[in-house]
Amino acid sequence: MRLGIFMGFSILEIMGDSRTVIKKCQTTDFDRSIIGALIRDIHSKKIHFQETGFHFIPKAKNTYAHILTKEALKKGEGHYLLGGVSGYVRRALEKRRPRLPD
């Protein structure tokens, strides 16, 4: 969300593979769970956008983001994809691509 605010986006669509988090982001009910503070922070940032959407996407359909997150956590990096696909994501996706028999 911070990147969207920084770049001046008016519409923000967020997709995630945690159904619980997405549902909590979609509701305006006060959240008392462990992640409640994070959910409240997300809700407080929604005012910066004309429209926000939170959508569940299964991990199997979210391969690119999953690889990016996993590698960034391993390396202790934070990435914002401006200008292309990271090399390690491209290589990981190529490894997963089905090969044609010789």
PDB file of N, CA and C in Angstrom:
ATOM      1  N   MET A   1       0.823  -1.189   0.000  1.00  0.00           N
ATOM      2  CA  MET A   1       0.000   0.000   0.000  1.00  0.00           C
ATOM      3  C   MET A   1       0.868   1.253   0.000  1.00  0.00           C
ATOM      4  N   ARG A   2       1.986   1.174   0.715  1.00  0.00           N
ATOM      5  CA  ARG A   2       2.859   2.355   0.759  1.00  0.00           C
ATOM      6  C   ARG A   2       3.362   2.730  -0.625  1.00  0.00           C
ATOM      7  N   LEU A   3       3.679   1.726  -1.437  1.00  0.00           N
ATOM      8  CA  LEU A   3       4.144   2.008  -2.794  1.00  0.00           C
ATOM      9  C   LEU A   3       3.039   2.685  -3.598  1.00  0.00           C
ATOM     10  N   GLY A   4       1.812   2.207  -3.463  1.00  0.00           N
ATOM     11  CA  GLY A   4       0.681   2.815  -4.158  1.00  0.00           C
ATOM     12  C   GLY A   4       0.459   4.254  -3.739  1.00  0.00           C
ATOM     13  N   ILE A   5       0.607   4.525  -2.450  1.00  0.00           N
ATOM     14  CA  ILE A   5       0.472   5.898  -1.943  1.00  0.00           C
ATOM     15  C   ILE A   5       1.595   6.754  -2.506  1.00  0.00           C
ATOM     16  N   PHE A   6       2.826   6.251  -2.436  1.00  0.00           N
ATOM     17  CA  PHE A   6       3.994   6.982  -2.922  1.00  0.00           C
ATOM     18  C   PHE A   6       3.869   7.313  -4.407  1.00  0.00           C
ATOM     19  N   MET A   7       3.333   6.365  -5.182  1.00  0.00           N
ATOM     20  CA  MET A   7       3.229   6.574  -6.626  1.00  0.00           C
ATOM     21  C   MET A   7       1.962   7.327  -7.024  1.00  0.00           C
ATOM     22  N   GLY A   8       1.099   7.609  -6.062  1.00  0.00           N
ATOM     23  CA  GLY A   8      -0.088   8.399  -6.339  1.00  0.00           C
ATOM     24  C   GLY A   8      -1.213   7.644  -7.027  1.00  0.00           C
ATOM     25  N   PHE A   9      -1.268   6.318  -6.848  1.00  0.00           N
ATOM     26  CA  PHE A   9      -2.346   5.541  -7.457  1.00  0.00           C
ATOM     27  C   PHE A   9      -3.682   5.926  -6.834  1.00  0.00           C
ATOM     28  N   SER A  10      -4.741   5.920  -7.623  1.00  0.00           N
ATOM     29  CA  SER A  10      -6.070   6.203  -7.086  1.00  0.00           C
ATOM     30  C   SER A  10      -6.863   4.915  -6.867  1.00  0.00           C
ATOM     31  N   ILE A  11      -6.472   3.848  -7.537  1.00  0.00           N
ATOM     32  CA  ILE A  11      -7.145   2.554  -7.399  1.00  0.00           C
ATOM     33  C   ILE A  11      -6.096   1.523  -7.000  1.00  0.00           C
ATOM     34  N   LEU A  12      -6.432   0.712  -6.010  1.00  0.00           N
ATOM     35  CA  LEU A  12      -5.501  -0.309  -5.539  1.00  0.00           C
ATOM     36  C   LEU A  12      -6.227  -1.641  -5.435  1.00  0.00           C
ATOM     37  N   GLU A  13      -5.688  -2.659  -6.090  1.00  0.00           N
ATOM     38  CA  GLU A  13      -6.215  -4.017  -6.014  1.00  0.00           C
ATOM     39  C   GLU A  13      -5.135  -4.880  -5.381  1.00  0.00           C
ATOM     40  N   ILE A  14      -5.465  -5.501  -4.269  1.00  0.00           N
ATOM     41  CA  ILE A  14      -4.511  -6.358  -3.569  1.00  0.00           C
ATOM     42  C   ILE A  14      -5.022  -7.785  -3.622  1.00  0.00           C
ATOM     43  N   MET A  15      -4.130  -8.696  -4.018  1.00  0.00           N
ATOM     44  CA  MET A  15      -4.473 -10.112  -4.070  1.00  0.00           C
ATOM     45  C   MET A  15      -3.561 -10.858  -3.116  1.00  0.00           C
ATOM     46  N   GLY A  16      -4.130 -11.827  -2.424  1.00  0.00           N
ATOM     47  CA  GLY A  16      -3.332 -12.608  -1.495  1.00  0.00           C
ATOM     48  C   GLY A  16      -3.843 -14.021  -1.369  1.00  0.00           C
ATOM     49  N   ASP A  17      -2.976 -14.924  -0.887  1.00  0.00           N
ATOM     50  CA  ASP A  17      -3.375 -16.322  -0.772  1.00  0.00           C
ATOM     51  C   ASP A  17      -3.772 -16.713   0.653  1.00  0.00           C
ATOM     52  N   SER A  18      -3.960 -15.736   1.514  1.00  0.00           N
ATOM     53  CA  SER A  18      -4.481 -16.003   2.853  1.00  0.00           C
ATOM     54  C   SER A  18      -5.929 -15.530   2.910  1.00  0.00           C
ATOM     55  N   ARG A  19      -6.830 -16.500   2.836  1.00  0.00           N
ATOM     56  CA  ARG A  19      -8.260 -16.169   2.815  1.00  0.00           C
ATOM     57  C   ARG A  19      -8.654 -15.375   4.065  1.00  0.00           C
ATOM     58  N   THR A  20      -8.084 -15.735   5.213  1.00  0.00           N
ATOM     59  CA  THR A  20      -8.404 -15.049   6.464  1.00  0.00           C
ATOM     60  C   THR A  20      -8.016 -13.576   6.408  1.00  0.00           C
ATOM     61  N   VAL A  21      -6.809 -13.286   5.955  1.00  0.00           N
ATOM     62  CA  VAL A  21      -6.346 -11.897   5.882  1.00  0.00           C
ATOM     63  C   VAL A  21      -7.195 -11.108   4.891  1.00  0.00           C
ATOM     64  N   ILE A  22      -7.481 -11.689   3.745  1.00  0.00           N
ATOM     65  CA  ILE A  22      -8.290 -10.995   2.736  1.00  0.00           C
ATOM     66  C   ILE A  22      -9.675 -10.682   3.293  1.00  0.00           C
ATOM     67  N   LYS A  23     -10.301 -11.647   3.965  1.00  0.00           N
ATOM     68  CA  LYS A  23     -11.631 -11.404   4.553  1.00  0.00           C
ATOM     69  C   LYS A  23     -11.579 -10.289   5.594  1.00  0.00           C
ATOM     70  N   LYS A  24     -10.539 -10.278   6.418  1.00  0.00           N
ATOM     71  CA  LYS A  24     -10.413  -9.239   7.441  1.00  0.00           C
ATOM     72  C   LYS A  24     -10.197  -7.865   6.808  1.00  0.00           C
ATOM     73  N   CYS A  25      -9.489  -7.826   5.688  1.00  0.00           N
ATOM     74  CA  CYS A  25      -9.278  -6.553   4.986  1.00  0.00           C
ATOM     75  C   CYS A  25     -10.563  -6.061   4.325  1.00  0.00           C
ATOM     76  N   GLN A  26     -11.433  -6.982   3.937  1.00  0.00           N
ATOM     77  CA  GLN A  26     -12.675  -6.620   3.260  1.00  0.00           C
ATOM     78  C   GLN A  26     -13.737  -6.089   4.218  1.00  0.00           C
ATOM     79  N   THR A  27     -13.636  -6.427   5.483  1.00  0.00           N
ATOM     80  CA  THR A  27     -14.652  -6.008   6.448  1.00  0.00           C
ATOM     81  C   THR A  27     -14.191  -4.772   7.223  1.00  0.00           C
ATOM     82  N   THR A  28     -15.146  -4.038   7.746  1.00  0.00           N
ATOM     83  CA  THR A  28     -14.809  -2.860   8.551  1.00  0.00           C
ATOM     84  C   THR A  28     -14.935  -3.150  10.047  1.00  0.00           C
ATOM     85  N   ASP A  29     -15.256  -4.404  10.389  1.00  0.00           N
ATOM     86  CA  ASP A  29     -15.374  -4.787  11.799  1.00  0.00           C
ATOM     87  C   ASP A  29     -14.022  -4.653  12.503  1.00  0.00           C
ATOM     88  N   PHE A  30     -14.058  -4.265  13.782  1.00  0.00           N
ATOM     89  CA  PHE A  30     -12.839  -4.153  14.576  1.00  0.00           C
ATOM     90  C   PHE A  30     -12.257  -5.545  14.768  1.00  0.00           C
ATOM     91  N   ASP A  31     -11.000  -5.709  14.509  1.00  0.00           N
ATOM     92  CA  ASP A  31     -10.347  -7.012  14.580  1.00  0.00           C
ATOM     93  C   ASP A  31      -9.508  -7.105  15.843  1.00  0.00           C
ATOM     94  N   ARG A  32      -9.795  -8.104  16.681  1.00  0.00           N
ATOM     95  CA  ARG A  32      -9.069  -8.280  17.940  1.00  0.00           C
ATOM     96  C   ARG A  32      -8.046  -9.426  17.863  1.00  0.00           C
ATOM     97  N   SER A  33      -7.807  -9.938  16.678  1.00  0.00           N
ATOM     98  CA  SER A  33      -6.870 -11.055  16.532  1.00  0.00           C
ATOM     99  C   SER A  33      -5.424 -10.565  16.631  1.00  0.00           C
ATOM    100  N   ILE A  34      -4.503 -11.500  16.552  1.00  0.00           N
ATOM    101  CA  ILE A  34      -3.073 -11.178  16.610  1.00  0.00           C
ATOM    102  C   ILE A  34      -2.682 -10.225  15.487  1.00  0.00           C
ATOM    103  N   ILE A  35      -3.299 -10.378  14.325  1.00  0.00           N
ATOM    104  CA  ILE A  35      -2.956  -9.505  13.194  1.00  0.00           C
ATOM    105  C   ILE A  35      -3.852  -8.269  13.129  1.00  0.00           C
ATOM    106  N   GLY A  36      -4.626  -8.048  14.170  1.00  0.00           N
ATOM    107  CA  GLY A  36      -5.554  -6.917  14.204  1.00  0.00           C
ATOM    108  C   GLY A  36      -4.892  -5.570  13.958  1.00  0.00           C
ATOM    109  N   ALA A  37      -3.713  -5.362  14.534  1.00  0.00           N
ATOM    110  CA  ALA A  37      -3.013  -4.082  14.346  1.00  0.00           C
ATOM    111  C   ALA A  37      -2.635  -3.882  12.884  1.00  0.00           C
ATOM    112  N   LEU A  38      -2.217  -4.956  12.227  1.00  0.00           N
ATOM    113  CA  LEU A  38      -1.878  -4.859  10.802  1.00  0.00           C
ATOM    114  C   LEU A  38      -3.117  -4.558   9.963  1.00  0.00           C
ATOM    115  N   ILE A  39      -4.222  -5.199  10.299  1.00  0.00           N
ATOM    116  CA  ILE A  39      -5.474  -4.968   9.568  1.00  0.00           C
ATOM    117  C   ILE A  39      -5.919  -3.517   9.757  1.00  0.00           C
ATOM    118  N   ARG A  40      -5.819  -3.005  10.992  1.00  0.00           N
ATOM    119  CA  ARG A  40      -6.192  -1.602  11.234  1.00  0.00           C
ATOM    120  C   ARG A  40      -5.283  -0.650  10.457  1.00  0.00           C
ATOM    121  N   ASP A  41      -3.992  -0.987  10.357  1.00  0.00           N
ATOM    122  CA  ASP A  41      -3.062  -0.173   9.576  1.00  0.00           C
ATOM    123  C   ASP A  41      -3.466  -0.169   8.100  1.00  0.00           C
ATOM    124  N   ILE A  42      -3.834  -1.321   7.584  1.00  0.00           N
ATOM    125  CA  ILE A  42      -4.299  -1.414   6.191  1.00  0.00           C
ATOM    126  C   ILE A  42      -5.538  -0.551   5.999  1.00  0.00           C
ATOM    127  N   HIS A  43      -6.494  -0.655   6.928  1.00  0.00           N
ATOM    128  CA  HIS A  43      -7.722   0.149   6.829  1.00  0.00           C
ATOM    129  C   HIS A  43      -7.422   1.649   6.894  1.00  0.00           C
ATOM    130  N   SER A  44      -6.447   2.038   7.700  1.00  0.00           N
ATOM    131  CA  SER A  44      -6.129   3.469   7.810  1.00  0.00           C
ATOM    132  C   SER A  44      -5.511   4.012   6.519  1.00  0.00           C
ATOM    133  N   LYS A  45      -4.863   3.161   5.761  1.00  0.00           N
ATOM    134  CA  LYS A  45      -4.236   3.591   4.504  1.00  0.00           C
ATOM    135  C   LYS A  45      -5.222   3.614   3.331  1.00  0.00           C
ATOM    136  N   LYS A  46      -6.373   2.983   3.490  1.00  0.00           N
ATOM    137  CA  LYS A  46      -7.361   2.943   2.409  1.00  0.00           C
ATOM    138  C   LYS A  46      -7.855   4.333   2.024  1.00  0.00           C
ATOM    139  N   ILE A  47      -7.780   5.290   2.938  1.00  0.00           N
ATOM    140  CA  ILE A  47      -8.283   6.639   2.648  1.00  0.00           C
ATOM    141  C   ILE A  47      -7.474   7.342   1.565  1.00  0.00           C
ATOM    142  N   HIS A  48      -6.279   6.835   1.282  1.00  0.00           N
ATOM    143  CA  HIS A  48      -5.423   7.439   0.258  1.00  0.00           C
ATOM    144  C   HIS A  48      -5.846   7.061  -1.163  1.00  0.00           C
ATOM    145  N   PHE A  49      -6.810   6.160  -1.289  1.00  0.00           N
ATOM    146  CA  PHE A  49      -7.232   5.665  -2.596  1.00  0.00           C
ATOM    147  C   PHE A  49      -8.728   5.906  -2.800  1.00  0.00           C
ATOM    148  N   GLN A  50      -9.109   6.146  -4.047  1.00  0.00           N
ATOM    149  CA  GLN A  50     -10.529   6.279  -4.363  1.00  0.00           C
ATOM    150  C   GLN A  50     -11.212   4.921  -4.277  1.00  0.00           C
ATOM    151  N   GLU A  51     -10.508   3.888  -4.697  1.00  0.00           N
ATOM    152  CA  GLU A  51     -11.043   2.522  -4.662  1.00  0.00           C
ATOM    153  C   GLU A  51      -9.966   1.569  -4.172  1.00  0.00           C
ATOM    154  N   THR A  52     -10.380   0.607  -3.354  1.00  0.00           N
ATOM    155  CA  THR A  52      -9.476  -0.469  -2.948  1.00  0.00           C
ATOM    156  C   THR A  52     -10.228  -1.782  -3.074  1.00  0.00           C
ATOM    157  N   GLY A  53      -9.519  -2.809  -3.453  1.00  0.00           N
ATOM    158  CA  GLY A  53     -10.108  -4.137  -3.545  1.00  0.00           C
ATOM    159  C   GLY A  53      -9.147  -5.158  -2.974  1.00  0.00           C
ATOM    160  N   PHE A  54      -9.693  -6.116  -2.249  1.00  0.00           N
ATOM    161  CA  PHE A  54      -8.898  -7.191  -1.666  1.00  0.00           C
ATOM    162  C   PHE A  54      -9.469  -8.500  -2.185  1.00  0.00           C
ATOM    163  N   HIS A  55      -8.635  -9.308  -2.829  1.00  0.00           N
ATOM    164  CA  HIS A  55      -9.113 -10.508  -3.500  1.00  0.00           C
ATOM    165  C   HIS A  55      -8.263 -11.713  -3.125  1.00  0.00           C
ATOM    166  N   PHE A  56      -8.943 -12.821  -2.834  1.00  0.00           N
ATOM    167  CA  PHE A  56      -8.255 -14.078  -2.551  1.00  0.00           C
ATOM    168  C   PHE A  56      -7.832 -14.718  -3.867  1.00  0.00           C
ATOM    169  N   ILE A  57      -6.612 -15.222  -3.899  1.00  0.00           N
ATOM    170  CA  ILE A  57      -6.117 -15.973  -5.053  1.00  0.00           C
ATOM    171  C   ILE A  57      -5.342 -17.170  -4.510  1.00  0.00           C
ATOM    172  N   PRO A  58      -5.682 -18.386  -4.952  1.00  0.00           N
ATOM    173  CA  PRO A  58      -4.972 -19.567  -4.446  1.00  0.00           C
ATOM    174  C   PRO A  58      -3.477 -19.502  -4.754  1.00  0.00           C
ATOM    175  N   LYS A  59      -2.684 -20.079  -3.866  1.00  0.00           N
ATOM    176  CA  LYS A  59      -1.231 -20.046  -4.026  1.00  0.00           C
ATOM    177  C   LYS A  59      -0.799 -20.626  -5.374  1.00  0.00           C
ATOM    178  N   ALA A  60      -1.504 -21.644  -5.847  1.00  0.00           N
ATOM    179  CA  ALA A  60      -1.157 -22.267  -7.128  1.00  0.00           C
ATOM    180  C   ALA A  60      -1.268 -21.281  -8.289  1.00  0.00           C
ATOM    181  N   LYS A  61      -2.134 -20.300  -8.165  1.00  0.00           N
ATOM    182  CA  LYS A  61      -2.300 -19.299  -9.226  1.00  0.00           C
ATOM    183  C   LYS A  61      -1.489 -18.044  -8.939  1.00  0.00           C
ATOM    184  N   ASN A  62      -0.768 -18.062  -7.851  1.00  0.00           N
ATOM    185  CA  ASN A  62      -0.009 -16.898  -7.424  1.00  0.00           C
ATOM    186  C   ASN A  62       1.483 -17.235  -7.369  1.00  0.00           C
ATOM    187  N   THR A  63       1.928 -18.059  -8.300  1.00  0.00           N
ATOM    188  CA  THR A  63       3.295 -18.574  -8.296  1.00  0.00           C
ATOM    189  C   THR A  63       4.338 -17.468  -8.301  1.00  0.00           C
ATOM    190  N   TYR A  64       4.158 -16.496  -9.159  1.00  0.00           N
ATOM    191  CA  TYR A  64       5.126 -15.406  -9.303  1.00  0.00           C
ATOM    192  C   TYR A  64       5.332 -14.680  -7.973  1.00  0.00           C
ATOM    193  N   ALA A  65       4.248 -14.275  -7.329  1.00  0.00           N
ATOM    194  CA  ALA A  65       4.349 -13.550  -6.058  1.00  0.00           C
ATOM    195  C   ALA A  65       4.924 -14.444  -4.962  1.00  0.00           C
ATOM    196  N   HIS A  66       4.552 -15.717  -4.976  1.00  0.00           N
ATOM    197  CA  HIS A  66       5.048 -16.644  -3.965  1.00  0.00           C
ATOM    198  C   HIS A  66       6.572 -16.794  -4.067  1.00  0.00           C
ATOM    199  N   ILE A  67       7.078 -16.955  -5.286  1.00  0.00           N
ATOM    200  CA  ILE A  67       8.525 -17.085  -5.488  1.00  0.00           C
ATOM    201  C   ILE A  67       9.232 -15.801  -5.062  1.00  0.00           C
ATOM    202  N   LEU A  68       8.690 -14.674  -5.465  1.00  0.00           N
ATOM    203  CA  LEU A  68       9.289 -13.384  -5.131  1.00  0.00           C
ATOM    204  C   LEU A  68       9.388 -13.202  -3.620  1.00  0.00           C
ATOM    205  N   THR A  69       8.309 -13.497  -2.912  1.00  0.00           N
ATOM    206  CA  THR A  69       8.277 -13.349  -1.458  1.00  0.00           C
ATOM    207  C   THR A  69       9.259 -14.297  -0.785  1.00  0.00           C
ATOM    208  N   LYS A  70       9.249 -15.552  -1.207  1.00  0.00           N
ATOM    209  CA  LYS A  70      10.126 -16.557  -0.614  1.00  0.00           C
ATOM    210  C   LYS A  70      11.599 -16.174  -0.782  1.00  0.00           C
ATOM    211  N   GLU A  71      11.978 -15.771  -1.974  1.00  0.00           N
ATOM    212  CA  GLU A  71      13.369 -15.394  -2.228  1.00  0.00           C
ATOM    213  C   GLU A  71      13.753 -14.115  -1.484  1.00  0.00           C
ATOM    214  N   ALA A  72      12.852 -13.150  -1.432  1.00  0.00           N
ATOM    215  CA  ALA A  72      13.139 -11.901  -0.722  1.00  0.00           C
ATOM    216  C   ALA A  72      13.337 -12.167   0.767  1.00  0.00           C
ATOM    217  N   LEU A  73      12.522 -13.055   1.343  1.00  0.00           N
ATOM    218  CA  LEU A  73      12.676 -13.397   2.759  1.00  0.00           C
ATOM    219  C   LEU A  73      14.006 -14.107   3.006  1.00  0.00           C
ATOM    220  N   LYS A  74      14.377 -15.016   2.108  1.00  0.00           N
ATOM    221  CA  LYS A  74      15.651 -15.719   2.243  1.00  0.00           C
ATOM    222  C   LYS A  74      16.824 -14.747   2.247  1.00  0.00           C
ATOM    223  N   LYS A  75      16.751 -13.754   1.370  1.00  0.00           N
ATOM    224  CA  LYS A  75      17.854 -12.814   1.201  1.00  0.00           C
ATOM    225  C   LYS A  75      17.727 -11.580   2.086  1.00  0.00           C
ATOM    226  N   GLY A  76      16.615 -11.472   2.826  1.00  0.00           N
ATOM    227  CA  GLY A  76      16.405 -10.307   3.672  1.00  0.00           C
ATOM    228  C   GLY A  76      16.200  -9.035   2.872  1.00  0.00           C
ATOM    229  N   GLU A  77      15.591  -9.161   1.704  1.00  0.00           N
ATOM    230  CA  GLU A  77      15.391  -8.018   0.816  1.00  0.00           C
ATOM    231  C   GLU A  77      13.934  -7.588   0.802  1.00  0.00           C
ATOM    232  N   GLY A  78      13.725  -6.358   0.411  1.00  0.00           N
ATOM    233  CA  GLY A  78      12.394  -5.867   0.099  1.00  0.00           C
ATOM    234  C   GLY A  78      12.411  -5.457  -1.362  1.00  0.00           C
ATOM    235  N   HIS A  79      11.487  -5.949  -2.148  1.00  0.00           N
ATOM    236  CA  HIS A  79      11.471  -5.652  -3.585  1.00  0.00           C
ATOM    237  C   HIS A  79      10.165  -5.013  -3.994  1.00  0.00           C
ATOM    238  N   TYR A  80      10.268  -4.037  -4.844  1.00  0.00           N
ATOM    239  CA  TYR A  80       9.114  -3.516  -5.555  1.00  0.00           C
ATOM    240  C   TYR A  80       9.452  -3.659  -7.019  1.00  0.00           C
ATOM    241  N   LEU A  81       8.572  -4.284  -7.761  1.00  0.00           N
ATOM    242  CA  LEU A  81       8.868  -4.597  -9.157  1.00  0.00           C
ATOM    243  C   LEU A  81       8.544  -3.437 -10.067  1.00  0.00           C
ATOM    244  N   LEU A  82       9.477  -2.556 -10.171  1.00  0.00           N
ATOM    245  CA  LEU A  82       9.352  -1.464 -11.120  1.00  0.00           C
ATOM    246  C   LEU A  82      10.343  -1.744 -12.230  1.00  0.00           C
ATOM    247  N   GLY A  83       9.826  -1.988 -13.404  1.00  0.00           N
ATOM    248  CA  GLY A  83      10.712  -2.160 -14.540  1.00  0.00           C
ATOM    249  C   GLY A  83      11.082  -3.587 -14.881  1.00  0.00           C
ATOM    250  N   GLY A  84      10.429  -4.578 -14.309  1.00  0.00           N
ATOM    251  CA  GLY A  84      10.715  -5.922 -14.778  1.00  0.00           C
ATOM    252  C   GLY A  84      10.672  -6.996 -13.724  1.00  0.00           C
ATOM    253  N   VAL A  85      10.991  -8.193 -14.182  1.00  0.00           N
ATOM    254  CA  VAL A  85      10.960  -9.381 -13.351  1.00  0.00           C
ATOM    255  C   VAL A  85      12.365  -9.656 -12.836  1.00  0.00           C
ATOM    256  N   SER A  86      12.470  -9.937 -11.558  1.00  0.00           N
ATOM    257  CA  SER A  86      13.770 -10.262 -10.968  1.00  0.00           C
ATOM    258  C   SER A  86      14.327 -11.520 -11.616  1.00  0.00           C
ATOM    259  N   GLY A  87      15.644 -11.568 -11.751  1.00  0.00           N
ATOM    260  CA  GLY A  87      16.298 -12.712 -12.377  1.00  0.00           C
ATOM    261  C   GLY A  87      15.993 -14.021 -11.683  1.00  0.00           C
ATOM    262  N   TYR A  88      16.013 -14.043 -10.346  1.00  0.00           N
ATOM    263  CA  TYR A  88      15.767 -15.298  -9.645  1.00  0.00           C
ATOM    264  C   TYR A  88      14.326 -15.764  -9.802  1.00  0.00           C
ATOM    265  N   VAL A  89      13.383 -14.842  -9.980  1.00  0.00           N
ATOM    266  CA  VAL A  89      11.994 -15.234 -10.227  1.00  0.00           C
ATOM    267  C   VAL A  89      11.891 -15.847 -11.617  1.00  0.00           C
ATOM    268  N   ARG A  90      12.521 -15.226 -12.586  1.00  0.00           N
ATOM    269  CA  ARG A  90      12.497 -15.746 -13.959  1.00  0.00           C
ATOM    270  C   ARG A  90      13.078 -17.160 -13.995  1.00  0.00           C
ATOM    271  N   ARG A  91      14.218 -17.370 -13.319  1.00  0.00           N
ATOM    272  CA  ARG A  91      14.847 -18.696 -13.308  1.00  0.00           C
ATOM    273  C   ARG A  91      13.962 -19.723 -12.608  1.00  0.00           C
ATOM    274  N   ALA A  92      13.347 -19.346 -11.497  1.00  0.00           N
ATOM    275  CA  ALA A  92      12.478 -20.271 -10.767  1.00  0.00           C
ATOM    276  C   ALA A  92      11.263 -20.656 -11.601  1.00  0.00           C
ATOM    277  N   LEU A  93      10.693 -19.692 -12.321  1.00  0.00           N
ATOM    278  CA  LEU A  93       9.544 -19.993 -13.173  1.00  0.00           C
ATOM    279  C   LEU A  93       9.948 -20.897 -14.332  1.00  0.00           C
ATOM    280  N   GLU A  94      11.127 -20.701 -14.875  1.00  0.00           N
ATOM    281  CA  GLU A  94      11.608 -21.555 -15.965  1.00  0.00           C
ATOM    282  C   GLU A  94      11.797 -22.993 -15.486  1.00  0.00           C
ATOM    283  N   LYS A  95      12.255 -23.183 -14.247  1.00  0.00           N
ATOM    284  CA  LYS A  95      12.420 -24.529 -13.695  1.00  0.00           C
ATOM    285  C   LYS A  95      11.074 -25.235 -13.554  1.00  0.00           C
ATOM    286  N   ARG A  96      10.028 -24.483 -13.242  1.00  0.00           N
ATOM    287  CA  ARG A  96       8.699 -25.061 -13.035  1.00  0.00           C
ATOM    288  C   ARG A  96       7.954 -25.317 -14.336  1.00  0.00           C
ATOM    289  N   ARG A  97       8.391 -24.678 -15.412  1.00  0.00           N
ATOM    290  CA  ARG A  97       7.702 -24.799 -16.698  1.00  0.00           C
ATOM    291  C   ARG A  97       7.810 -26.231 -17.206  1.00  0.00           C
ATOM    292  N   PRO A  98       6.695 -26.823 -17.639  1.00  0.00           N
ATOM    293  CA  PRO A  98       6.755 -28.191 -18.170  1.00  0.00           C
ATOM    294  C   PRO A  98       7.644 -28.248 -19.417  1.00  0.00           C
ATOM    295  N   ARG A  99       8.434 -29.273 -19.504  1.00  0.00           N
ATOM    296  CA  ARG A  99       9.340 -29.461 -20.640  1.00  0.00           C
ATOM    297  C   ARG A  99       8.702 -30.405 -21.662  1.00  0.00           C
ATOM    298  N   LEU A 100       8.933 -30.119 -22.918  1.00  0.00           N
ATOM    299  CA  LEU A 100       8.479 -31.013 -23.978  1.00  0.00           C
ATOM    300  C   LEU A 100       9.463 -32.171 -24.091  1.00  0.00           C
ATOM    301  N   PRO A 101       8.950 -33.387 -24.336  1.00  0.00           N
ATOM    302  CA  PRO A 101       9.871 -34.526 -24.471  1.00  0.00           C
ATOM    303  C   PRO A 101      10.745 -34.370 -25.713  1.00  0.00           C
ATOM    304  N   ASP A 102      11.982 -34.871 -25.615  1.00  0.00           N
ATOM    305  CA  ASP A 102      12.921 -34.801 -26.751  1.00  0.00           C
ATOM    306  C   ASP A 102      12.592 -35.827 -27.802  1.00  0.00           C
TER     307      ASP A 102
END
